[in-house]
PDB file of N, CA and C in Angstrom:
ATOM      1  N   MET A   1      36.629  -4.281  23.174  1.00  0.00           N
ATOM      2  CA  MET A   1      35.543  -3.337  23.194  1.00  0.00           C
ATOM      3  C   MET A   1      34.377  -3.898  22.376  1.00  0.00           C
ATOM      4  N   ALA A   2      33.203  -3.841  22.935  1.00  0.00           N
ATOM      5  CA  ALA A   2      32.016  -4.376  22.268  1.00  0.00           C
ATOM      6  C   ALA A   2      31.550  -3.413  21.184  1.00  0.00           C
ATOM      7  N   GLY A   3      31.132  -3.990  20.043  1.00  0.00           N
ATOM      8  CA  GLY A   3      30.617  -3.170  18.942  1.00  0.00           C
ATOM      9  C   GLY A   3      29.177  -2.766  19.214  1.00  0.00           C
ATOM     10  N   LYS A   4      28.795  -1.655  18.676  1.00  0.00           N
ATOM     11  CA  LYS A   4      27.424  -1.182  18.853  1.00  0.00           C
ATOM     12  C   LYS A   4      26.529  -1.819  17.805  1.00  0.00           C
ATOM     13  N   LYS A   5      25.344  -2.199  18.204  1.00  0.00           N
ATOM     14  CA  LYS A   5      24.369  -2.740  17.274  1.00  0.00           C
ATOM     15  C   LYS A   5      23.518  -1.594  16.728  1.00  0.00           C
ATOM     16  N   ALA A   6      23.182  -1.710  15.484  1.00  0.00           N
ATOM     17  CA  ALA A   6      22.317  -0.703  14.865  1.00  0.00           C
ATOM     18  C   ALA A   6      20.903  -0.860  15.405  1.00  0.00           C
ATOM     19  N   ALA A   7      20.241   0.225  15.636  1.00  0.00           N
ATOM     20  CA  ALA A   7      18.864   0.195  16.134  1.00  0.00           C
ATOM     21  C   ALA A   7      17.946  -0.346  15.045  1.00  0.00           C
ATOM     22  N   GLU A   8      17.163  -1.335  15.410  1.00  0.00           N
ATOM     23  CA  GLU A   8      16.247  -1.929  14.447  1.00  0.00           C
ATOM     24  C   GLU A   8      14.882  -1.265  14.567  1.00  0.00           C
ATOM     25  N   GLY A   9      14.273  -0.988  13.425  1.00  0.00           N
ATOM     26  CA  GLY A   9      12.958  -0.367  13.409  1.00  0.00           C
ATOM     27  C   GLY A   9      11.874  -1.361  13.771  1.00  0.00           C
ATOM     28  N   LYS A  10      10.740  -0.847  14.142  1.00  0.00           N
ATOM     29  CA  LYS A  10       9.607  -1.693  14.487  1.00  0.00           C
ATOM     30  C   LYS A  10       8.982  -2.247  13.218  1.00  0.00           C
ATOM     31  N   LYS A  11       8.743  -3.555  13.204  1.00  0.00           N
ATOM     32  CA  LYS A  11       8.123  -4.168  12.042  1.00  0.00           C
ATOM     33  C   LYS A  11       6.627  -3.935  12.085  1.00  0.00           C
ATOM     34  N   GLY A  12       6.025  -3.848  10.923  1.00  0.00           N
ATOM     35  CA  GLY A  12       4.589  -3.627  10.853  1.00  0.00           C
ATOM     36  C   GLY A  12       4.251  -2.726   9.689  1.00  0.00           C
ATOM     37  N   SER A  13       3.067  -2.182   9.723  1.00  0.00           N
ATOM     38  CA  SER A  13       2.616  -1.360   8.616  1.00  0.00           C
ATOM     39  C   SER A  13       3.263   0.015   8.645  1.00  0.00           C
ATOM     40  N   SER A  14       3.430   0.549   7.505  1.00  0.00           N
ATOM     41  CA  SER A  14       4.020   1.864   7.332  1.00  0.00           C
ATOM     42  C   SER A  14       2.982   2.942   7.655  1.00  0.00           C
ATOM     43  N   PRO A  15       3.398   4.093   8.155  1.00  0.00           N
ATOM     44  CA  PRO A  15       2.431   5.168   8.410  1.00  0.00           C
ATOM     45  C   PRO A  15       1.769   5.678   7.128  1.00  0.00           C
ATOM     46  N   ASN A  16       2.366   5.407   5.986  1.00  0.00           N
ATOM     47  CA  ASN A  16       1.788   5.856   4.721  1.00  0.00           C
ATOM     48  C   ASN A  16       0.522   5.090   4.358  1.00  0.00           C
ATOM     49  N   VAL A  17       0.263   3.951   4.994  1.00  0.00           N
ATOM     50  CA  VAL A  17      -0.928   3.158   4.717  1.00  0.00           C
ATOM     51  C   VAL A  17      -2.184   3.957   5.044  1.00  0.00           C
ATOM     52  N   TYR A  18      -2.115   4.850   6.011  1.00  0.00           N
ATOM     53  CA  TYR A  18      -3.279   5.644   6.394  1.00  0.00           C
ATOM     54  C   TYR A  18      -3.703   6.599   5.291  1.00  0.00           C
ATOM     55  N   LYS A  19      -2.847   6.852   4.326  1.00  0.00           N
ATOM     56  CA  LYS A  19      -3.201   7.712   3.196  1.00  0.00           C
ATOM     57  C   LYS A  19      -4.116   6.995   2.208  1.00  0.00           C
ATOM     58  N   TYR A  20      -4.236   5.662   2.300  1.00  0.00           N
ATOM     59  CA  TYR A  20      -5.050   4.882   1.383  1.00  0.00           C
ATOM     60  C   TYR A  20      -6.526   4.920   1.748  1.00  0.00           C
ATOM     61  N   PHE A  21      -6.866   5.404   2.920  1.00  0.00           N
ATOM     62  CA  PHE A  21      -8.244   5.421   3.398  1.00  0.00           C
ATOM     63  C   PHE A  21      -8.694   6.846   3.691  1.00  0.00           C
ATOM     64  N   LYS A  22      -9.998   7.083   3.574  1.00  0.00           N
ATOM     65  CA  LYS A  22     -10.585   8.364   3.952  1.00  0.00           C
ATOM     66  C   LYS A  22     -11.797   8.073   4.818  1.00  0.00           C
ATOM     67  N   ILE A  23     -11.937   8.836   5.891  1.00  0.00           N
ATOM     68  CA  ILE A  23     -13.086   8.682   6.775  1.00  0.00           C
ATOM     69  C   ILE A  23     -14.002   9.869   6.556  1.00  0.00           C
ATOM     70  N   GLU A  24     -15.231   9.578   6.137  1.00  0.00           N
ATOM     71  CA  GLU A  24     -16.225  10.622   5.905  1.00  0.00           C
ATOM     72  C   GLU A  24     -17.429  10.300   6.774  1.00  0.00           C
ATOM     73  N   GLY A  25     -17.541  10.985   7.895  1.00  0.00           N
ATOM     74  CA  GLY A  25     -18.634  10.714   8.829  1.00  0.00           C
ATOM     75  C   GLY A  25     -18.463   9.346   9.453  1.00  0.00           C
ATOM     76  N   ASP A  26     -19.408   8.454   9.202  1.00  0.00           N
ATOM     77  CA  ASP A  26     -19.336   7.094   9.723  1.00  0.00           C
ATOM     78  C   ASP A  26     -18.847   6.095   8.681  1.00  0.00           C
ATOM     79  N   LYS A  27     -18.495   6.571   7.488  1.00  0.00           N
ATOM     80  CA  LYS A  27     -18.111   5.661   6.425  1.00  0.00           C
ATOM     81  C   LYS A  27     -16.613   5.715   6.161  1.00  0.00           C
ATOM     82  N   LEU A  28     -16.069   4.561   5.831  1.00  0.00           N
ATOM     83  CA  LEU A  28     -14.669   4.433   5.458  1.00  0.00           C
ATOM     84  C   LEU A  28     -14.604   4.145   3.964  1.00  0.00           C
ATOM     85  N   THR A  29     -13.852   4.962   3.210  1.00  0.00           N
ATOM     86  CA  THR A  29     -13.717   4.742   1.775  1.00  0.00           C
ATOM     87  C   THR A  29     -12.260   4.467   1.456  1.00  0.00           C
ATOM     88  N   ARG A  30     -12.055   3.606   0.481  1.00  0.00           N
ATOM     89  CA  ARG A  30     -10.699   3.269   0.047  1.00  0.00           C
ATOM     90  C   ARG A  30     -10.314   4.206  -1.081  1.00  0.00           C
ATOM     91  N   GLY A  31      -9.123   4.765  -0.999  1.00  0.00           N
ATOM     92  CA  GLY A  31      -8.685   5.736  -1.992  1.00  0.00           C
ATOM     93  C   GLY A  31      -8.049   5.101  -3.207  1.00  0.00           C
ATOM     94  N   ARG A  32      -7.585   3.864  -3.073  1.00  0.00           N
ATOM     95  CA  ARG A  32      -6.922   3.198  -4.184  1.00  0.00           C
ATOM     96  C   ARG A  32      -7.626   1.910  -4.531  1.00  0.00           C
ATOM     97  N   LYS A  33      -7.358   1.416  -5.726  1.00  0.00           N
ATOM     98  CA  LYS A  33      -7.989   0.206  -6.224  1.00  0.00           C
ATOM     99  C   LYS A  33      -7.340  -1.028  -5.602  1.00  0.00           C
ATOM    100  N   ASN A  34      -8.150  -2.043  -5.290  1.00  0.00           N
ATOM    101  CA  ASN A  34      -7.620  -3.317  -4.804  1.00  0.00           C
ATOM    102  C   ASN A  34      -7.149  -4.152  -5.987  1.00  0.00           C
ATOM    103  N   CYS A  35      -6.156  -4.999  -5.750  1.00  0.00           N
ATOM    104  CA  CYS A  35      -5.659  -5.896  -6.790  1.00  0.00           C
ATOM    105  C   CYS A  35      -6.690  -6.991  -7.038  1.00  0.00           C
ATOM    106  N   SER A  36      -7.000  -7.249  -8.299  1.00  0.00           N
ATOM    107  CA  SER A  36      -7.998  -8.266  -8.630  1.00  0.00           C
ATOM    108  C   SER A  36      -7.448  -9.674  -8.441  1.00  0.00           C
ATOM    109  N   ARG A  37      -6.138  -9.856  -8.474  1.00  0.00           N
ATOM    110  CA  ARG A  37      -5.531 -11.170  -8.270  1.00  0.00           C
ATOM    111  C   ARG A  37      -5.327 -11.481  -6.788  1.00  0.00           C
ATOM    112  N   CYS A  38      -4.795 -10.526  -6.048  1.00  0.00           N
ATOM    113  CA  CYS A  38      -4.450 -10.743  -4.638  1.00  0.00           C
ATOM    114  C   CYS A  38      -5.650 -10.617  -3.715  1.00  0.00           C
ATOM    115  N   GLY A  39      -6.615  -9.795  -4.075  1.00  0.00           N
ATOM    116  CA  GLY A  39      -7.823  -9.652  -3.281  1.00  0.00           C
ATOM    117  C   GLY A  39      -7.793  -8.442  -2.365  1.00  0.00           C
ATOM    118  N   LYS A  40      -8.670  -8.477  -1.361  1.00  0.00           N
ATOM    119  CA  LYS A  40      -8.819  -7.339  -0.455  1.00  0.00           C
ATOM    120  C   LYS A  40      -7.559  -7.137   0.372  1.00  0.00           C
ATOM    121  N   GLY A  41      -7.251  -5.876   0.633  1.00  0.00           N
ATOM    122  CA  GLY A  41      -6.111  -5.548   1.486  1.00  0.00           C
ATOM    123  C   GLY A  41      -4.820  -5.301   0.739  1.00  0.00           C
ATOM    124  N   VAL A  42      -4.772  -5.596  -0.556  1.00  0.00           N
ATOM    125  CA  VAL A  42      -3.584  -5.338  -1.363  1.00  0.00           C
ATOM    126  C   VAL A  42      -3.953  -4.259  -2.370  1.00  0.00           C
ATOM    127  N   PHE A  43      -3.358  -3.088  -2.205  1.00  0.00           N
ATOM    128  CA  PHE A  43      -3.678  -1.952  -3.052  1.00  0.00           C
ATOM    129  C   PHE A  43      -2.732  -1.866  -4.234  1.00  0.00           C
ATOM    130  N   MET A  44      -3.239  -1.284  -5.307  1.00  0.00           N
ATOM    131  CA  MET A  44      -2.434  -1.070  -6.504  1.00  0.00           C
ATOM    132  C   MET A  44      -1.904   0.366  -6.496  1.00  0.00           C
ATOM    133  N   SER A  45      -0.668   0.522  -6.937  1.00  0.00           N
ATOM    134  CA  SER A  45      -0.083   1.855  -6.980  1.00  0.00           C
ATOM    135  C   SER A  45      -0.562   2.578  -8.230  1.00  0.00           C
ATOM    136  N   LYS A  46      -0.674   3.896  -8.117  1.00  0.00           N
ATOM    137  CA  LYS A  46      -1.138   4.721  -9.232  1.00  0.00           C
ATOM    138  C   LYS A  46       0.068   5.303  -9.958  1.00  0.00           C
ATOM    139  N   HIS A  47       0.098   5.132 -11.252  1.00  0.00           N
ATOM    140  CA  HIS A  47       1.106   5.750 -12.095  1.00  0.00           C
ATOM    141  C   HIS A  47       0.372   6.609 -13.127  1.00  0.00           C
ATOM    142  N   LYS A  48       1.124   7.266 -13.956  1.00  0.00           N
ATOM    143  CA  LYS A  48       0.538   8.171 -14.945  1.00  0.00           C
ATOM    144  C   LYS A  48      -0.394   7.429 -15.906  1.00  0.00           C
ATOM    145  N   ASP A  49       0.036   6.267 -16.375  1.00  0.00           N
ATOM    146  CA  ASP A  49      -0.726   5.556 -17.398  1.00  0.00           C
ATOM    147  C   ASP A  49      -1.123   4.138 -17.008  1.00  0.00           C
ATOM    148  N   ARG A  50      -0.909   3.738 -15.727  1.00  0.00           N
ATOM    149  CA  ARG A  50      -1.192   2.360 -15.346  1.00  0.00           C
ATOM    150  C   ARG A  50      -1.370   2.236 -13.830  1.00  0.00           C
ATOM    151  N   ASN A  51      -1.934   1.122 -13.413  1.00  0.00           N
ATOM    152  CA  ASN A  51      -2.012   0.729 -12.008  1.00  0.00           C
ATOM    153  C   ASN A  51      -1.222  -0.564 -11.866  1.00  0.00           C
ATOM    154  N   THR A  52      -0.399  -0.668 -10.813  1.00  0.00           N
ATOM    155  CA  THR A  52       0.467  -1.819 -10.640  1.00  0.00           C
ATOM    156  C   THR A  52       0.356  -2.362  -9.232  1.00  0.00           C
ATOM    157  N   CYS A  53       0.323  -3.688  -9.111  1.00  0.00           N
ATOM    158  CA  CYS A  53       0.328  -4.351  -7.809  1.00  0.00           C
ATOM    159  C   CYS A  53       1.779  -4.620  -7.423  1.00  0.00           C
ATOM    160  N   GLY A  54       2.167  -4.233  -6.225  1.00  0.00           N
ATOM    161  CA  GLY A  54       3.526  -4.457  -5.755  1.00  0.00           C
ATOM    162  C   GLY A  54       3.764  -5.864  -5.275  1.00  0.00           C
ATOM    163  N   LYS A  55       2.698  -6.607  -5.022  1.00  0.00           N
ATOM    164  CA  LYS A  55       2.843  -7.961  -4.497  1.00  0.00           C
ATOM    165  C   LYS A  55       2.986  -8.991  -5.617  1.00  0.00           C
ATOM    166  N   CYS A  56       2.079  -8.978  -6.592  1.00  0.00           N
ATOM    167  CA  CYS A  56       2.104 -10.001  -7.647  1.00  0.00           C
ATOM    168  C   CYS A  56       2.604  -9.461  -8.987  1.00  0.00           C
ATOM    169  N   GLY A  57       2.672  -8.134  -9.140  1.00  0.00           N
ATOM    170  CA  GLY A  57       3.175  -7.551 -10.372  1.00  0.00           C
ATOM    171  C   GLY A  57       2.142  -7.322 -11.452  1.00  0.00           C
ATOM    172  N   LEU A  58       0.870  -7.511 -11.137  1.00  0.00           N
ATOM    173  CA  LEU A  58      -0.199  -7.290 -12.112  1.00  0.00           C
ATOM    174  C   LEU A  58      -0.209  -5.820 -12.524  1.00  0.00           C
ATOM    175  N   THR A  59      -0.284  -5.567 -13.821  1.00  0.00           N
ATOM    176  CA  THR A  59      -0.331  -4.208 -14.349  1.00  0.00           C
ATOM    177  C   THR A  59      -1.574  -4.026 -15.195  1.00  0.00           C
ATOM    178  N   GLU A  60      -2.325  -2.970 -14.898  1.00  0.00           N
ATOM    179  CA  GLU A  60      -3.509  -2.619 -15.679  1.00  0.00           C
ATOM    180  C   GLU A  60      -3.265  -1.248 -16.279  1.00  0.00           C
ATOM    181  N   PHE A  61      -3.335  -1.179 -17.588  1.00  0.00           N
ATOM    182  CA  PHE A  61      -3.077   0.083 -18.295  1.00  0.00           C
ATOM    183  C   PHE A  61      -4.371   0.887 -18.408  1.00  0.00           C
ATOM    184  N   ASN A  62      -4.282   2.200 -18.195  1.00  0.00           N
ATOM    185  CA  ASN A  62      -5.424   3.114 -18.337  1.00  0.00           C
ATOM    186  C   ASN A  62      -5.498   3.580 -19.785  1.00  0.00           C
ATOM    187  N   GLN A  63      -6.699   3.806 -20.239  1.00  0.00           N
ATOM    188  CA  GLN A  63      -6.855   4.240 -21.626  1.00  0.00           C
ATOM    189  C   GLN A  63      -7.308   5.655 -21.688  1.00  0.00           C
TER     190      GLN A  63
END
């Protein structure tokens, strides 16, 4: 008897990425800060006291 393969999800961007942008009229604004090391397209996560890049690990503390 053949075993069943698990269904693989589609690779690509997560639907949560759309939460990082806001469209106001004809303008697109970014809701989160870009990483200064990685450049455009890599957003930093917001924490209570810091911003952290998930790609390179850069941490900026808020004062």
